[in-house]
Amino acid sequence: EAIDAIKSEADSMKELVEQLLFLARGDNDSMHIEMESFDLTE
């Protein structure tokens, strides 16, 4: 559980850094949204 949580948070930090780089570049066409199905309750 701890390993999965740490991996998940590391992925979140990676996505945040990518968003910051996107804002720094100011390139609207480079924004990519991953649409997937998940349970909002979980």
Full PDB file with SEQRES, HELIX, SHEET, SSBOND, CRYST1, ORIGX, SCALE, CONECT and MASTER records, all heavy atoms in Angstrom:
SEQRES   1 A   42  GLU ALA ILE ASP ALA ILE LYS SER GLU ALA ASP SER MET          
SEQRES   2 A   42  LYS GLU LEU VAL GLU GLN LEU LEU PHE LEU ALA ARG GLY          
SEQRES   3 A   42  ASP ASN ASP SER MET HIS ILE GLU MET GLU SER PHE ASP          
SEQRES   4 A   42  LEU THR GLU                                                  
HELIX    1 AA1 ALA A    2  ARG A   25  1                                  24    
HELIX    2 AA2 ASN A   28  SER A   30  5                                   3    
CRYST1    1.000    1.000    1.000  90.00  90.00  90.00 P 1           1          
ORIGX1      1.000000  0.000000  0.000000        0.00000                         
ORIGX2      0.000000  1.000000  0.000000        0.00000                         
ORIGX3      0.000000  0.000000  1.000000        0.00000                         
SCALE1      1.000000  0.000000  0.000000        0.00000                         
SCALE2      0.000000  1.000000  0.000000        0.00000                         
SCALE3      0.000000  0.000000  1.000000        0.00000                         
ATOM      1  N   GLU A   1       0.832  -1.207   0.000  1.00  0.00           N  
ATOM      2  CA  GLU A   1       0.000   0.000   0.000  1.00  0.00           C  
ATOM      3  C   GLU A   1       0.867   1.257   0.000  1.00  0.00           C  
ATOM      4  O   GLU A   1       0.593   2.214  -0.735  1.00  0.00           O  
ATOM      5  CB  GLU A   1      -0.903  -0.012   1.235  1.00  0.00           C  
ATOM      6  CG  GLU A   1      -1.791   1.228   1.335  1.00  0.00           C  
ATOM      7  CD  GLU A   1      -2.611   1.242   2.616  1.00  0.00           C  
ATOM      8  OE1 GLU A   1      -2.521   0.271   3.396  1.00  0.00           O  
ATOM      9  OE2 GLU A   1      -3.333   2.240   2.831  1.00  0.00           O  
ATOM     10  N   ALA A   2       1.911   1.253   0.818  1.00  0.00           N  
ATOM     11  CA  ALA A   2       2.789   2.417   0.884  1.00  0.00           C  
ATOM     12  C   ALA A   2       3.534   2.625  -0.429  1.00  0.00           C  
ATOM     13  O   ALA A   2       3.684   3.754  -0.908  1.00  0.00           O  
ATOM     14  CB  ALA A   2       3.779   2.258   2.044  1.00  0.00           C  
ATOM     15  N   ILE A   3       4.000   1.532  -1.022  1.00  0.00           N  
ATOM     16  CA  ILE A   3       4.725   1.638  -2.295  1.00  0.00           C  
ATOM     17  C   ILE A   3       3.808   2.181  -3.386  1.00  0.00           C  
ATOM     18  O   ILE A   3       4.203   3.062  -4.167  1.00  0.00           O  
ATOM     19  CB  ILE A   3       5.299   0.260  -2.693  1.00  0.00           C  
ATOM     20  CG1 ILE A   3       6.412  -0.150  -1.722  1.00  0.00           C  
ATOM     21  CG2 ILE A   3       5.836   0.300  -4.115  1.00  0.00           C  
ATOM     22  CD1 ILE A   3       6.947  -1.547  -1.955  1.00  0.00           C  
ATOM     23  N   ASP A   4       2.561   1.665  -3.440  1.00  0.00           N  
ATOM     24  CA  ASP A   4       1.616   2.150  -4.452  1.00  0.00           C  
ATOM     25  C   ASP A   4       1.303   3.635  -4.251  1.00  0.00           C  
ATOM     26  O   ASP A   4       1.203   4.401  -5.220  1.00  0.00           O  
ATOM     27  CB  ASP A   4       0.329   1.323  -4.398  1.00  0.00           C  
ATOM     28  CG  ASP A   4       0.562  -0.123  -4.837  1.00  0.00           C  
ATOM     29  OD1 ASP A   4       1.582  -0.370  -5.506  1.00  0.00           O  
ATOM     30  OD2 ASP A   4      -0.263  -0.986  -4.498  1.00  0.00           O  
ATOM     31  N   ALA A   5       1.130   4.031  -2.980  1.00  0.00           N  
ATOM     32  CA  ALA A   5       0.816   5.431  -2.690  1.00  0.00           C  
ATOM     33  C   ALA A   5       1.979   6.346  -3.061  1.00  0.00           C  
ATOM     34  O   ALA A   5       1.774   7.424  -3.639  1.00  0.00           O  
ATOM     35  CB  ALA A   5       0.466   5.593  -1.210  1.00  0.00           C  
ATOM     36  N   ILE A   6       3.190   5.911  -2.731  1.00  0.00           N  
ATOM     37  CA  ILE A   6       4.367   6.721  -3.070  1.00  0.00           C  
ATOM     38  C   ILE A   6       4.502   6.851  -4.580  1.00  0.00           C  
ATOM     39  O   ILE A   6       4.798   7.928  -5.113  1.00  0.00           O  
ATOM     40  CB  ILE A   6       5.634   6.112  -2.447  1.00  0.00           C  
ATOM     41  CG1 ILE A   6       5.584   6.261  -0.922  1.00  0.00           C  
ATOM     42  CG2 ILE A   6       6.893   6.763  -3.010  1.00  0.00           C  
ATOM     43  CD1 ILE A   6       6.718   5.569  -0.208  1.00  0.00           C  
ATOM     44  N   LYS A   7       4.279   5.747  -5.293  1.00  0.00           N  
ATOM     45  CA  LYS A   7       4.354   5.800  -6.754  1.00  0.00           C  
ATOM     46  C   LYS A   7       3.283   6.734  -7.323  1.00  0.00           C  
ATOM     47  O   LYS A   7       3.541   7.516  -8.248  1.00  0.00           O  
ATOM     48  CB  LYS A   7       4.183   4.395  -7.326  1.00  0.00           C  
ATOM     49  CG  LYS A   7       4.297   4.329  -8.852  1.00  0.00           C  
ATOM     50  CD  LYS A   7       4.163   2.899  -9.339  1.00  0.00           C  
ATOM     51  CE  LYS A   7       4.284   2.846 -10.867  1.00  0.00           C  
ATOM     52  NZ  LYS A   7       3.232   3.633 -11.535  1.00  0.00           N  
ATOM     53  N   SER A   8       2.076   6.667  -6.763  1.00  0.00           N  
ATOM     54  CA  SER A   8       0.991   7.512  -7.246  1.00  0.00           C  
ATOM     55  C   SER A   8       1.300   8.991  -7.021  1.00  0.00           C  
ATOM     56  O   SER A   8       1.082   9.831  -7.901  1.00  0.00           O  
ATOM     57  CB  SER A   8      -0.313   7.141  -6.538  1.00  0.00           C  
ATOM     58  OG  SER A   8      -1.368   8.012  -6.905  1.00  0.00           O  
ATOM     59  N   GLU A   9       1.844   9.320  -5.843  1.00  0.00           N  
ATOM     60  CA  GLU A   9       2.178  10.712  -5.560  1.00  0.00           C  
ATOM     61  C   GLU A   9       3.337  11.189  -6.419  1.00  0.00           C  
ATOM     62  O   GLU A   9       3.386  12.360  -6.828  1.00  0.00           O  
ATOM     63  CB  GLU A   9       2.506  10.882  -4.072  1.00  0.00           C  
ATOM     64  CG  GLU A   9       1.332  10.630  -3.150  1.00  0.00           C  
ATOM     65  CD  GLU A   9       0.116  11.463  -3.505  1.00  0.00           C  
ATOM     66  OE1 GLU A   9       0.297  12.651  -3.837  1.00  0.00           O  
ATOM     67  OE2 GLU A   9      -1.003  10.932  -3.474  1.00  0.00           O  
ATOM     68  N   ALA A  10       4.280  10.312  -6.702  1.00  0.00           N  
ATOM     69  CA  ALA A  10       5.380  10.686  -7.598  1.00  0.00           C  
ATOM     70  C   ALA A  10       4.849  10.989  -8.999  1.00  0.00           C  
ATOM     71  O   ALA A  10       5.299  11.937  -9.652  1.00  0.00           O  
ATOM     72  CB  ALA A  10       6.415   9.569  -7.643  1.00  0.00           C  
ATOM     73  N   ASP A  11       3.877  10.191  -9.448  1.00  0.00           N  
ATOM     74  CA  ASP A  11       3.257  10.471 -10.742  1.00  0.00           C  
ATOM     75  C   ASP A  11       2.520  11.810 -10.724  1.00  0.00           C  
ATOM     76  O   ASP A  11       2.544  12.565 -11.713  1.00  0.00           O  
ATOM     77  CB  ASP A  11       2.290   9.342 -11.114  1.00  0.00           C  
ATOM     78  CG  ASP A  11       3.012   8.030 -11.406  1.00  0.00           C  
ATOM     79  OD1 ASP A  11       4.219   8.083 -11.723  1.00  0.00           O  
ATOM     80  OD2 ASP A  11       2.374   6.961 -11.302  1.00  0.00           O  
ATOM     81  N   SER A  12       1.863  12.115  -9.593  1.00  0.00           N  
ATOM     82  CA  SER A  12       1.151  13.397  -9.481  1.00  0.00           C  
ATOM     83  C   SER A  12       2.128  14.564  -9.541  1.00  0.00           C  
ATOM     84  O   SER A  12       1.865  15.577 -10.200  1.00  0.00           O  
ATOM     85  CB  SER A  12       0.363  13.451  -8.165  1.00  0.00           C  
ATOM     86  OG  SER A  12      -0.622  12.434  -8.123  1.00  0.00           O  
ATOM     87  N   MET A  13       3.261  14.415  -8.873  1.00  0.00           N  
ATOM     88  CA  MET A  13       4.269  15.471  -8.914  1.00  0.00           C  
ATOM     89  C   MET A  13       4.837  15.624 -10.320  1.00  0.00           C  
ATOM     90  O   MET A  13       5.109  16.745 -10.776  1.00  0.00           O  
ATOM     91  CB  MET A  13       5.389  15.165  -7.914  1.00  0.00           C  
ATOM     92  CG  MET A  13       4.942  15.238  -6.466  1.00  0.00           C  
ATOM     93  SD  MET A  13       6.280  14.829  -5.311  1.00  0.00           S  
ATOM     94  CE  MET A  13       7.424  16.170  -5.649  1.00  0.00           C  
ATOM     95  N   LYS A  14       5.004  14.521 -11.013  1.00  0.00           N  
ATOM     96  CA  LYS A  14       5.488  14.581 -12.391  1.00  0.00           C  
ATOM     97  C   LYS A  14       4.494  15.330 -13.279  1.00  0.00           C  
ATOM     98  O   LYS A  14       4.888  16.178 -14.097  1.00  0.00           O  
ATOM     99  CB  LYS A  14       5.714  13.171 -12.931  1.00  0.00           C  
ATOM    100  CG  LYS A  14       6.191  13.132 -14.372  1.00  0.00           C  
ATOM    101  CD  LYS A  14       6.340  11.707 -14.861  1.00  0.00           C  
ATOM    102  CE  LYS A  14       6.744  11.684 -16.345  1.00  0.00           C  
ATOM    103  NZ  LYS A  14       6.850  10.304 -16.852  1.00  0.00           N  
ATOM    104  N   GLU A  15       3.202  15.030 -13.115  1.00  0.00           N  
ATOM    105  CA  GLU A  15       2.182  15.722 -13.904  1.00  0.00           C  
ATOM    106  C   GLU A  15       2.155  17.212 -13.585  1.00  0.00           C  
ATOM    107  O   GLU A  15       1.987  18.057 -14.475  1.00  0.00           O  
ATOM    108  CB  GLU A  15       0.809  15.106 -13.628  1.00  0.00           C  
ATOM    109  CG  GLU A  15       0.668  13.670 -14.149  1.00  0.00           C  
ATOM    110  CD  GLU A  15      -0.686  13.091 -13.810  1.00  0.00           C  
ATOM    111  OE1 GLU A  15      -1.488  13.812 -13.176  1.00  0.00           O  
ATOM    112  OE2 GLU A  15      -0.941  11.923 -14.161  1.00  0.00           O  
ATOM    113  N   LEU A  16       2.344  17.544 -12.306  1.00  0.00           N  
ATOM    114  CA  LEU A  16       2.363  18.948 -11.921  1.00  0.00           C  
ATOM    115  C   LEU A  16       3.538  19.681 -12.559  1.00  0.00           C  
ATOM    116  O   LEU A  16       3.393  20.801 -13.062  1.00  0.00           O  
ATOM    117  CB  LEU A  16       2.432  19.071 -10.399  1.00  0.00           C  
ATOM    118  CG  LEU A  16       2.500  20.498  -9.839  1.00  0.00           C  
ATOM    119  CD1 LEU A  16       1.280  21.302 -10.260  1.00  0.00           C  
ATOM    120  CD2 LEU A  16       2.617  20.465  -8.321  1.00  0.00           C  
ATOM    121  N   VAL A  17       4.699  19.044 -12.563  1.00  0.00           N  
ATOM    122  CA  VAL A  17       5.878  19.649 -13.198  1.00  0.00           C  
ATOM    123  C   VAL A  17       5.640  19.833 -14.694  1.00  0.00           C  
ATOM    124  O   VAL A  17       6.013  20.863 -15.278  1.00  0.00           O  
ATOM    125  CB  VAL A  17       7.130  18.794 -12.936  1.00  0.00           C  
ATOM    126  CG1 VAL A  17       8.303  19.291 -13.760  1.00  0.00           C  
ATOM    127  CG2 VAL A  17       7.485  18.817 -11.453  1.00  0.00           C  
ATOM    128  N   GLU A  18       4.999  18.859 -15.318  1.00  0.00           N  
ATOM    129  CA  GLU A  18       4.703  18.986 -16.746  1.00  0.00           C  
ATOM    130  C   GLU A  18       3.731  20.137 -17.005  1.00  0.00           C  
ATOM    131  O   GLU A  18       3.858  20.865 -18.001  1.00  0.00           O  
ATOM    132  CB  GLU A  18       4.117  17.670 -17.269  1.00  0.00           C  
ATOM    133  CG  GLU A  18       5.147  16.529 -17.326  1.00  0.00           C  
ATOM    134  CD  GLU A  18       4.523  15.239 -17.797  1.00  0.00           C  
ATOM    135  OE1 GLU A  18       3.283  15.196 -17.893  1.00  0.00           O  
ATOM    136  OE2 GLU A  18       5.276  14.274 -18.037  1.00  0.00           O  
ATOM    137  N   GLN A  19       2.771  20.332 -16.118  1.00  0.00           N  
ATOM    138  CA  GLN A  19       1.851  21.451 -16.258  1.00  0.00           C  
ATOM    139  C   GLN A  19       2.581  22.788 -16.107  1.00  0.00           C  
ATOM    140  O   GLN A  19       2.292  23.752 -16.817  1.00  0.00           O  
ATOM    141  CB  GLN A  19       0.733  21.349 -15.228  1.00  0.00           C  
ATOM    142  CG  GLN A  19      -0.213  20.176 -15.464  1.00  0.00           C  
ATOM    143  CD  GLN A  19      -1.258  20.059 -14.379  1.00  0.00           C  
ATOM    144  OE1 GLN A  19      -1.421  20.951 -13.557  1.00  0.00           O  
ATOM    145  NE2 GLN A  19      -1.966  18.946 -14.354  1.00  0.00           N  
ATOM    146  N   LEU A  20       3.542  22.831 -15.174  1.00  0.00           N  
ATOM    147  CA  LEU A  20       4.322  24.051 -14.993  1.00  0.00           C  
ATOM    148  C   LEU A  20       5.157  24.346 -16.236  1.00  0.00           C  
ATOM    149  O   LEU A  20       5.283  25.503 -16.654  1.00  0.00           O  
ATOM    150  CB  LEU A  20       5.228  23.921 -13.764  1.00  0.00           C  
ATOM    151  CG  LEU A  20       4.522  23.827 -12.409  1.00  0.00           C  
ATOM    152  CD1 LEU A  20       5.541  23.650 -11.300  1.00  0.00           C  
ATOM    153  CD2 LEU A  20       3.684  25.069 -12.157  1.00  0.00           C  
ATOM    154  N   LEU A  21       5.729  23.321 -16.809  1.00  0.00           N  
ATOM    155  CA  LEU A  21       6.489  23.514 -18.041  1.00  0.00           C  
ATOM    156  C   LEU A  21       5.577  23.987 -19.171  1.00  0.00           C  
ATOM    157  O   LEU A  21       5.969  24.810 -20.001  1.00  0.00           O  
ATOM    158  CB  LEU A  21       7.187  22.209 -18.440  1.00  0.00           C  
ATOM    159  CG  LEU A  21       8.310  21.746 -17.509  1.00  0.00           C  
ATOM    160  CD1 LEU A  21       8.841  20.386 -17.955  1.00  0.00           C  
ATOM    161  CD2 LEU A  21       9.439  22.769 -17.479  1.00  0.00           C  
ATOM    162  N   PHE A  22       4.356  23.454 -19.197  1.00  0.00           N  
ATOM    163  CA  PHE A  22       3.392  23.892 -20.204  1.00  0.00           C  
ATOM    164  C   PHE A  22       3.071  25.376 -20.043  1.00  0.00           C  
ATOM    165  O   PHE A  22       3.034  26.137 -21.010  1.00  0.00           O  
ATOM    166  CB  PHE A  22       2.122  23.049 -20.085  1.00  0.00           C  
ATOM    167  CG  PHE A  22       0.904  23.702 -20.662  1.00  0.00           C  
ATOM    168  CD1 PHE A  22       0.750  23.794 -22.028  1.00  0.00           C  
ATOM    169  CD2 PHE A  22      -0.080  24.222 -19.832  1.00  0.00           C  
ATOM    170  CE1 PHE A  22      -0.378  24.406 -22.562  1.00  0.00           C  
ATOM    171  CE2 PHE A  22      -1.195  24.828 -20.362  1.00  0.00           C  
ATOM    172  CZ  PHE A  22      -1.349  24.917 -21.732  1.00  0.00           C  
ATOM    173  N   LEU A  23       2.876  25.816 -18.788  1.00  0.00           N  
ATOM    174  CA  LEU A  23       2.595  27.226 -18.550  1.00  0.00           C  
ATOM    175  C   LEU A  23       3.801  28.093 -18.899  1.00  0.00           C  
ATOM    176  O   LEU A  23       3.648  29.210 -19.392  1.00  0.00           O  
ATOM    177  CB  LEU A  23       2.210  27.428 -17.076  1.00  0.00           C  
ATOM    178  CG  LEU A  23       0.877  26.815 -16.633  1.00  0.00           C  
ATOM    179  CD1 LEU A  23       0.680  27.003 -15.149  1.00  0.00           C  
ATOM    180  CD2 LEU A  23      -0.278  27.440 -17.399  1.00  0.00           C  
ATOM    181  N   ALA A  24       5.003  27.578 -18.630  1.00  0.00           N  
ATOM    182  CA  ALA A  24       6.211  28.349 -18.937  1.00  0.00           C  
ATOM    183  C   ALA A  24       6.387  28.521 -20.444  1.00  0.00           C  
ATOM    184  O   ALA A  24       6.807  29.580 -20.918  1.00  0.00           O  
ATOM    185  CB  ALA A  24       7.438  27.666 -18.334  1.00  0.00           C  
ATOM    186  N   ARG A  25       6.057  27.473 -21.204  1.00  0.00           N  
ATOM    187  CA  ARG A  25       6.186  27.576 -22.656  1.00  0.00           C  
ATOM    188  C   ARG A  25       5.082  28.413 -23.266  1.00  0.00           C  
ATOM    189  O   ARG A  25       5.267  29.079 -24.280  1.00  0.00           O  
ATOM    190  CB  ARG A  25       6.159  26.171 -23.283  1.00  0.00           C  
ATOM    191  CG  ARG A  25       7.397  25.344 -23.002  1.00  0.00           C  
ATOM    192  CD  ARG A  25       7.422  24.128 -23.902  1.00  0.00           C  
ATOM    193  NE  ARG A  25       6.245  23.306 -23.712  1.00  0.00           N  
ATOM    194  CZ  ARG A  25       6.193  22.253 -22.903  1.00  0.00           C  
ATOM    195  NH1 ARG A  25       7.259  21.905 -22.201  1.00  0.00           N  
ATOM    196  NH2 ARG A  25       5.087  21.549 -22.787  1.00  0.00           N  
ATOM    197  N   GLY A  26       3.913  28.414 -22.631  1.00  0.00           N  
ATOM    198  CA  GLY A  26       2.788  29.164 -23.180  1.00  0.00           C  
ATOM    199  C   GLY A  26       2.259  28.566 -24.468  1.00  0.00           C  
ATOM    200  O   GLY A  26       1.672  29.257 -25.288  1.00  0.00           O  
ATOM    201  N   ASP A  27       2.468  27.276 -24.662  1.00  0.00           N  
ATOM    202  CA  ASP A  27       2.045  26.609 -25.891  1.00  0.00           C  
ATOM    203  C   ASP A  27       0.748  25.878 -25.611  1.00  0.00           C  
ATOM    204  O   ASP A  27       0.736  24.811 -25.008  1.00  0.00           O  
ATOM    205  CB  ASP A  27       3.132  25.641 -26.353  1.00  0.00           C  
ATOM    206  CG  ASP A  27       2.790  25.018 -27.703  1.00  0.00           C  
ATOM    207  OD1 ASP A  27       1.790  25.435 -28.298  1.00  0.00           O  
ATOM    208  OD2 ASP A  27       3.530  24.121 -28.146  1.00  0.00           O  
ATOM    209  N   ASN A  28      -0.365  26.465 -26.037  1.00  0.00           N  
ATOM    210  CA  ASN A  28      -1.670  25.860 -25.753  1.00  0.00           C  
ATOM    211  C   ASN A  28      -1.868  24.542 -26.482  1.00  0.00           C  
ATOM    212  O   ASN A  28      -2.616  23.674 -26.038  1.00  0.00           O  
ATOM    213  CB  ASN A  28      -2.785  26.831 -26.144  1.00  0.00           C  
ATOM    214  CG  ASN A  28      -2.763  28.082 -25.286  1.00  0.00           C  
ATOM    215  OD1 ASN A  28      -2.346  28.026 -24.139  1.00  0.00           O  
ATOM    216  ND2 ASN A  28      -3.193  29.191 -25.851  1.00  0.00           N  
ATOM    217  N   ASP A  29      -1.187  24.383 -27.621  1.00  0.00           N  
ATOM    218  CA  ASP A  29      -1.383  23.167 -28.396  1.00  0.00           C  
ATOM    219  C   ASP A  29      -0.687  21.961 -27.770  1.00  0.00           C  
ATOM    220  O   ASP A  29      -0.958  20.831 -28.148  1.00  0.00           O  
ATOM    221  CB  ASP A  29      -0.844  23.372 -29.823  1.00  0.00           C  
ATOM    222  CG  ASP A  29      -1.661  24.418 -30.571  1.00  0.00           C  
ATOM    223  OD1 ASP A  29      -2.842  24.580 -30.217  1.00  0.00           O  
ATOM    224  OD2 ASP A  29      -1.107  25.060 -31.488  1.00  0.00           O  
ATOM    225  N   SER A  30       0.240  22.213 -26.816  1.00  0.00           N  
ATOM    226  CA  SER A  30       0.973  21.106 -26.225  1.00  0.00           C  
ATOM    227  C   SER A  30       0.251  20.498 -25.024  1.00  0.00           C  
ATOM    228  O   SER A  30       0.708  19.524 -24.449  1.00  0.00           O  
ATOM    229  CB  SER A  30       2.367  21.575 -25.780  1.00  0.00           C  
ATOM    230  OG  SER A  30       2.252  22.546 -24.747  1.00  0.00           O  
ATOM    231  N   MET A  31      -0.871  21.092 -24.600  1.00  0.00           N  
ATOM    232  CA  MET A  31      -1.620  20.567 -23.472  1.00  0.00           C  
ATOM    233  C   MET A  31      -2.351  19.299 -23.892  1.00  0.00           C  
ATOM    234  O   MET A  31      -3.109  19.299 -24.851  1.00  0.00           O  
ATOM    235  CB  MET A  31      -2.623  21.613 -22.970  1.00  0.00           C  
ATOM    236  CG  MET A  31      -3.353  21.189 -21.718  1.00  0.00           C  
ATOM    237  SD  MET A  31      -2.250  21.032 -20.315  1.00  0.00           S  
ATOM    238  CE  MET A  31      -3.421  20.671 -19.013  1.00  0.00           C  
ATOM    239  N   HIS A  32      -2.105  18.233 -23.139  1.00  0.00           N  
ATOM    240  CA  HIS A  32      -2.719  16.949 -23.464  1.00  0.00           C  
ATOM    241  C   HIS A  32      -3.497  16.458 -22.247  1.00  0.00           C  
ATOM    242  O   HIS A  32      -2.952  16.365 -21.150  1.00  0.00           O  
ATOM    243  CB  HIS A  32      -1.643  15.930 -23.844  1.00  0.00           C  
ATOM    244  CG  HIS A  32      -2.214  14.603 -24.236  1.00  0.00           C  
ATOM    245  ND1 HIS A  32      -3.025  14.426 -25.336  1.00  0.00           N  
ATOM    246  CD2 HIS A  32      -2.089  13.380 -23.649  1.00  0.00           C  
ATOM    247  CE1 HIS A  32      -3.385  13.149 -25.421  1.00  0.00           C  
ATOM    248  NE2 HIS A  32      -2.833  12.508 -24.411  1.00  0.00           N  
ATOM    249  N   ILE A  33      -4.759  16.181 -22.435  1.00  0.00           N  
ATOM    250  CA  ILE A  33      -5.624  15.702 -21.358  1.00  0.00           C  
ATOM    251  C   ILE A  33      -5.905  14.225 -21.575  1.00  0.00           C  
ATOM    252  O   ILE A  33      -6.358  13.818 -22.649  1.00  0.00           O  
ATOM    253  CB  ILE A  33      -6.937  16.497 -21.316  1.00  0.00           C  
ATOM    254  CG1 ILE A  33      -6.635  17.983 -21.033  1.00  0.00           C  
ATOM    255  CG2 ILE A  33      -7.871  15.944 -20.250  1.00  0.00           C  
ATOM    256  CD1 ILE A  33      -7.862  18.856 -21.012  1.00  0.00           C  
ATOM    257  N   GLU A  34      -5.616  13.437 -20.541  1.00  0.00           N  
ATOM    258  CA  GLU A  34      -5.849  11.998 -20.591  1.00  0.00           C  
ATOM    259  C   GLU A  34      -7.241  11.699 -20.039  1.00  0.00           C  
ATOM    260  O   GLU A  34      -7.477  11.784 -18.834  1.00  0.00           O  
ATOM    261  CB  GLU A  34      -4.779  11.255 -19.773  1.00  0.00           C  
ATOM    262  CG  GLU A  34      -3.389  11.271 -20.382  1.00  0.00           C  
ATOM    263  CD  GLU A  34      -3.283  10.334 -21.583  1.00  0.00           C  
ATOM    264  OE1 GLU A  34      -4.212   9.509 -21.764  1.00  0.00           O  
ATOM    265  OE2 GLU A  34      -2.310  10.430 -22.326  1.00  0.00           O  
ATOM    266  N   MET A  35      -8.158  11.346 -20.900  1.00  0.00           N  
ATOM    267  CA  MET A  35      -9.506  10.998 -20.486  1.00  0.00           C  
ATOM    268  C   MET A  35      -9.571   9.505 -20.205  1.00  0.00           C  
ATOM    269  O   MET A  35      -9.222   8.690 -21.057  1.00  0.00           O  
ATOM    270  CB  MET A  35     -10.513  11.376 -21.567  1.00  0.00           C  
ATOM    271  CG  MET A  35     -10.482  12.858 -21.936  1.00  0.00           C  
ATOM    272  SD  MET A  35     -11.012  13.924 -20.579  1.00  0.00           S  
ATOM    273  CE  MET A  35     -12.751  13.485 -20.493  1.00  0.00           C  
ATOM    274  N   GLU A  36     -10.002   9.168 -18.985  1.00  0.00           N  
ATOM    275  CA  GLU A  36     -10.142   7.761 -18.619  1.00  0.00           C  
ATOM    276  C   GLU A  36     -11.262   7.616 -17.605  1.00  0.00           C  
ATOM    277  O   GLU A  36     -11.673   8.580 -16.959  1.00  0.00           O  
ATOM    278  CB  GLU A  36      -8.840   7.209 -18.058  1.00  0.00           C  
ATOM    279  CG  GLU A  36      -8.273   7.980 -16.878  1.00  0.00           C  
ATOM    280  CD  GLU A  36      -6.938   7.410 -16.444  1.00  0.00           C  
ATOM    281  OE1 GLU A  36      -6.917   6.260 -15.981  1.00  0.00           O  
ATOM    282  OE2 GLU A  36      -5.918   8.122 -16.575  1.00  0.00           O  
ATOM    283  N   SER A  37     -11.738   6.406 -17.461  1.00  0.00           N  
ATOM    284  CA  SER A  37     -12.845   6.130 -16.550  1.00  0.00           C  
ATOM    285  C   SER A  37     -12.300   5.735 -15.177  1.00  0.00           C  
ATOM    286  O   SER A  37     -11.361   4.941 -15.079  1.00  0.00           O  
ATOM    287  CB  SER A  37     -13.714   5.002 -17.114  1.00  0.00           C  
ATOM    288  OG  SER A  37     -14.757   4.685 -16.215  1.00  0.00           O  
ATOM    289  N   PHE A  38     -12.890   6.294 -14.127  1.00  0.00           N  
ATOM    290  CA  PHE A  38     -12.486   5.954 -12.763  1.00  0.00           C  
ATOM    291  C   PHE A  38     -13.648   6.252 -11.830  1.00  0.00           C  
ATOM    292  O   PHE A  38     -14.625   6.919 -12.202  1.00  0.00           O  
ATOM    293  CB  PHE A  38     -11.232   6.724 -12.339  1.00  0.00           C  
ATOM    294  CG  PHE A  38     -11.414   8.215 -12.316  1.00  0.00           C  
ATOM    295  CD1 PHE A  38     -11.779   8.882 -11.158  1.00  0.00           C  
ATOM    296  CD2 PHE A  38     -11.236   8.970 -13.472  1.00  0.00           C  
ATOM    297  CE1 PHE A  38     -11.948  10.256 -11.134  1.00  0.00           C  
ATOM    298  CE2 PHE A  38     -11.406  10.343 -13.472  1.00  0.00           C  
ATOM    299  CZ  PHE A  38     -11.761  10.990 -12.301  1.00  0.00           C  
ATOM    300  N   ASP A  39     -13.518   5.769 -10.605  1.00  0.00           N  
ATOM    301  CA  ASP A  39     -14.558   5.957  -9.600  1.00  0.00           C  
ATOM    302  C   ASP A  39     -14.209   7.182  -8.752  1.00  0.00           C  
ATOM    303  O   ASP A  39     -13.188   7.214  -8.067  1.00  0.00           O  
ATOM    304  CB  ASP A  39     -14.667   4.718  -8.705  1.00  0.00           C  
ATOM    305  CG  ASP A  39     -15.875   4.785  -7.775  1.00  0.00           C  
ATOM    306  OD1 ASP A  39     -16.544   5.833  -7.760  1.00  0.00           O  
ATOM    307  OD2 ASP A  39     -16.123   3.807  -7.054  1.00  0.00           O  
ATOM    308  N   LEU A  40     -15.044   8.199  -8.825  1.00  0.00           N  
ATOM    309  CA  LEU A  40     -14.797   9.419  -8.066  1.00  0.00           C  
ATOM    310  C   LEU A  40     -14.854   9.163  -6.567  1.00  0.00           C  
ATOM    311  O   LEU A  40     -14.147   9.827  -5.796  1.00  0.00           O  
ATOM    312  CB  LEU A  40     -15.823  10.486  -8.462  1.00  0.00           C  
ATOM    313  CG  LEU A  40     -15.626  11.878  -7.860  1.00  0.00           C  
ATOM    314  CD1 LEU A  40     -14.276  12.453  -8.257  1.00  0.00           C  
ATOM    315  CD2 LEU A  40     -16.752  12.811  -8.300  1.00  0.00           C  
ATOM    316  N   THR A  41     -15.656   8.202  -6.141  1.00  0.00           N  
ATOM    317  CA  THR A  41     -15.735   7.888  -4.720  1.00  0.00           C  
ATOM    318  C   THR A  41     -14.404   7.350  -4.208  1.00  0.00           C  
ATOM    319  O   THR A  41     -13.934   7.733  -3.123  1.00  0.00           O  
ATOM    320  CB  THR A  41     -16.855   6.862  -4.464  1.00  0.00           C  
ATOM    321  OG1 THR A  41     -18.102   7.407  -4.912  1.00  0.00           O  
ATOM    322  CG2 THR A  41     -16.956   6.527  -2.991  1.00  0.00           C  
ATOM    323  N   GLU A  42     -13.782   6.454  -4.961  1.00  0.00           N  
ATOM    324  CA  GLU A  42     -12.488   5.907  -4.546  1.00  0.00           C  
ATOM    325  C   GLU A  42     -11.428   7.011  -4.491  1.00  0.00           C  
ATOM    326  O   GLU A  42     -10.606   7.044  -3.569  1.00  0.00           O  
ATOM    327  CB  GLU A  42     -12.058   4.803  -5.503  1.00  0.00           C  
ATOM    328  CG  GLU A  42     -12.942   3.563  -5.458  1.00  0.00           C  
ATOM    329  CD  GLU A  42     -12.450   2.486  -6.400  1.00  0.00           C  
ATOM    330  OE1 GLU A  42     -11.422   2.727  -7.085  1.00  0.00           O  
ATOM    331  OE2 GLU A  42     -13.071   1.411  -6.455  1.00  0.00           O  
TER     332      GLU A  42                                                      
MASTER        0    0    0    2    0    0    0    6  331    1    0    4          
END                                                                             
